[in-house]
Amino acid sequence: MQATLGQRAWRGLYSLLARLALPFSMFYLVWRGMRLQPYLDRWSERFALYREPGPDSCLWLHAVSVGEVNAAAPLLAALRRRHPGRTFLITTTTPTGSARARALWGDDVHHA
């Protein structure tokens, strides 16, 4: 299905705004990192630059911070029981969420 002219215009506007916002986003990340060191530790992952290659076929859960990681724990446990041979990836956006994911699953689950 081909995008209509209106859809292409909105997509173009969205792309333009995202590019214009990039310097402000980077400034915010640097500023936040100067205040909280853990924000700088995994800064490259925010731009999809990972330390290790990600799993090719995995089940991926995204949890923003500690509360969502805790809420995802029973779901991930059920999925791991149901799919024992499967690789799992959990992504978080805060250092505290990342620390909680590592505390819950260690190296048993990929994390970014």
Protein backbone atom coordinates (compact mmCIF):
# COMPACT_ATOMS: atom_id res chain seq x y z
CA MET A 1 0.00 0.00 0.00
CA GLN A 2 1.44 3.33 -1.03
CA ALA A 3 1.35 6.34 1.30
CA THR A 4 -0.89 9.22 0.33
CA LEU A 5 0.42 12.71 -0.24
CA GLY A 6 -0.90 13.78 3.17
CA GLN A 7 0.80 10.85 4.91
CA ARG A 8 4.10 11.63 3.20
CA ALA A 9 3.78 15.30 4.21
CA TRP A 10 3.20 14.38 7.88
CA ARG A 11 6.07 11.91 7.80
CA GLY A 12 8.34 14.56 6.28
CA LEU A 13 7.31 17.10 8.92
CA TYR A 14 7.91 14.56 11.67
CA SER A 15 11.37 13.73 10.28
CA LEU A 16 12.25 17.43 10.04
CA LEU A 17 11.16 18.07 13.64
CA ALA A 18 13.10 15.04 14.87
CA ARG A 19 16.26 16.32 13.17
CA LEU A 20 15.76 19.81 14.58
CA ALA A 21 15.26 18.37 18.08
CA LEU A 22 18.45 16.26 17.96
CA PRO A 23 20.85 18.98 19.24
CA PHE A 24 18.51 19.72 22.14
CA SER A 25 18.22 16.01 22.94
CA MET A 26 21.98 15.60 22.93
CA PHE A 27 22.41 18.68 25.15
CA TYR A 28 19.87 17.25 27.59
CA LEU A 29 21.62 13.87 27.69
CA VAL A 30 25.02 15.48 28.32
CA TRP A 31 23.55 17.78 31.00
CA ARG A 32 21.79 14.85 32.65
CA GLY A 33 24.97 12.77 32.44
CA MET A 34 26.97 15.48 34.19
CA ARG A 35 24.51 15.36 37.06
CA LEU A 36 24.13 11.56 37.17
CA GLN A 37 27.10 9.49 35.96
CA PRO A 38 25.03 6.37 35.09
CA TYR A 39 23.40 8.33 32.25
CA LEU A 40 26.80 8.59 30.55
CA ASP A 41 27.76 4.95 31.12
CA ARG A 42 25.37 3.65 28.45
CA TRP A 43 24.90 6.83 26.43
CA SER A 44 25.79 5.21 23.11
CA GLU A 45 22.85 2.79 23.40
CA ARG A 46 20.45 5.72 23.10
CA PHE A 47 21.74 6.08 19.54
CA ALA A 48 21.58 2.32 18.77
CA LEU A 49 25.32 1.76 19.22
CA TYR A 50 25.53 -1.44 21.25
CA ARG A 51 28.51 -3.07 22.93
CA GLU A 52 27.58 -6.52 21.70
CA PRO A 53 25.46 -7.70 18.82
CA GLY A 54 21.80 -8.09 19.71
CA PRO A 55 19.98 -11.36 19.39
CA ASP A 56 18.53 -11.97 15.94
CA SER A 57 15.26 -13.63 16.88
CA CYS A 58 14.25 -12.67 20.36
CA LEU A 59 11.20 -11.70 22.33
CA TRP A 60 11.63 -8.07 23.23
CA LEU A 61 10.10 -6.29 26.22
CA HIS A 62 10.53 -2.59 26.88
CA ALA A 63 10.26 -1.18 30.38
CA VAL A 64 11.06 2.47 30.96
CA SER A 65 12.12 2.46 34.60
CA VAL A 66 12.10 0.48 37.86
CA GLY A 67 8.33 0.30 38.20
CA GLU A 68 7.85 -1.08 34.72
CA VAL A 69 10.72 -3.55 35.13
CA ASN A 70 9.06 -4.82 38.30
CA ALA A 71 5.70 -5.01 36.52
CA ALA A 72 7.28 -6.90 33.59
CA ALA A 73 8.93 -9.50 35.84
CA PRO A 74 5.90 -11.85 36.09
CA LEU A 75 5.25 -11.52 32.35
CA LEU A 76 8.86 -12.33 31.52
CA ALA A 77 8.84 -15.28 33.92
CA ALA A 78 5.72 -16.68 32.22
CA LEU A 79 7.20 -16.14 28.75
CA ARG A 80 10.44 -17.85 29.76
CA ARG A 81 8.49 -20.88 31.03
CA ARG A 82 6.41 -21.00 27.85
CA HIS A 83 9.40 -20.54 25.49
CA PRO A 84 12.40 -22.10 27.25
CA GLY A 85 14.73 -22.05 24.24
CA ARG A 86 13.97 -18.48 23.26
CA THR A 87 16.27 -15.48 23.73
CA PHE A 88 14.82 -12.48 25.53
CA LEU A 89 15.77 -8.81 25.32
CA ILE A 90 14.63 -6.20 27.81
CA THR A 91 15.25 -2.53 27.15
CA THR A 92 15.08 0.29 29.68
CA THR A 93 15.62 4.03 29.48
CA THR A 94 16.77 4.92 32.99
CA PRO A 95 19.86 3.85 34.94
CA THR A 96 17.67 2.67 37.82
CA GLY A 97 15.56 0.56 35.46
CA SER A 98 18.74 -0.90 33.99
CA ALA A 99 20.11 -1.72 37.45
CA ARG A 100 16.83 -3.40 38.41
CA ALA A 101 16.81 -5.50 35.23
CA ARG A 102 20.39 -6.62 35.91
CA ALA A 103 19.47 -7.44 39.52
CA LEU A 104 16.46 -9.53 38.47
CA TRP A 105 17.90 -11.42 35.50
CA GLY A 106 21.65 -10.86 35.37
CA ASP A 107 23.05 -12.34 32.17
CA ASP A 108 20.09 -14.72 31.65
CA VAL A 109 18.32 -12.02 29.64
CA HIS A 110 19.90 -9.61 27.13
CA HIS A 111 19.59 -5.99 28.20
CA ALA A 112 20.03 -2.65 26.44
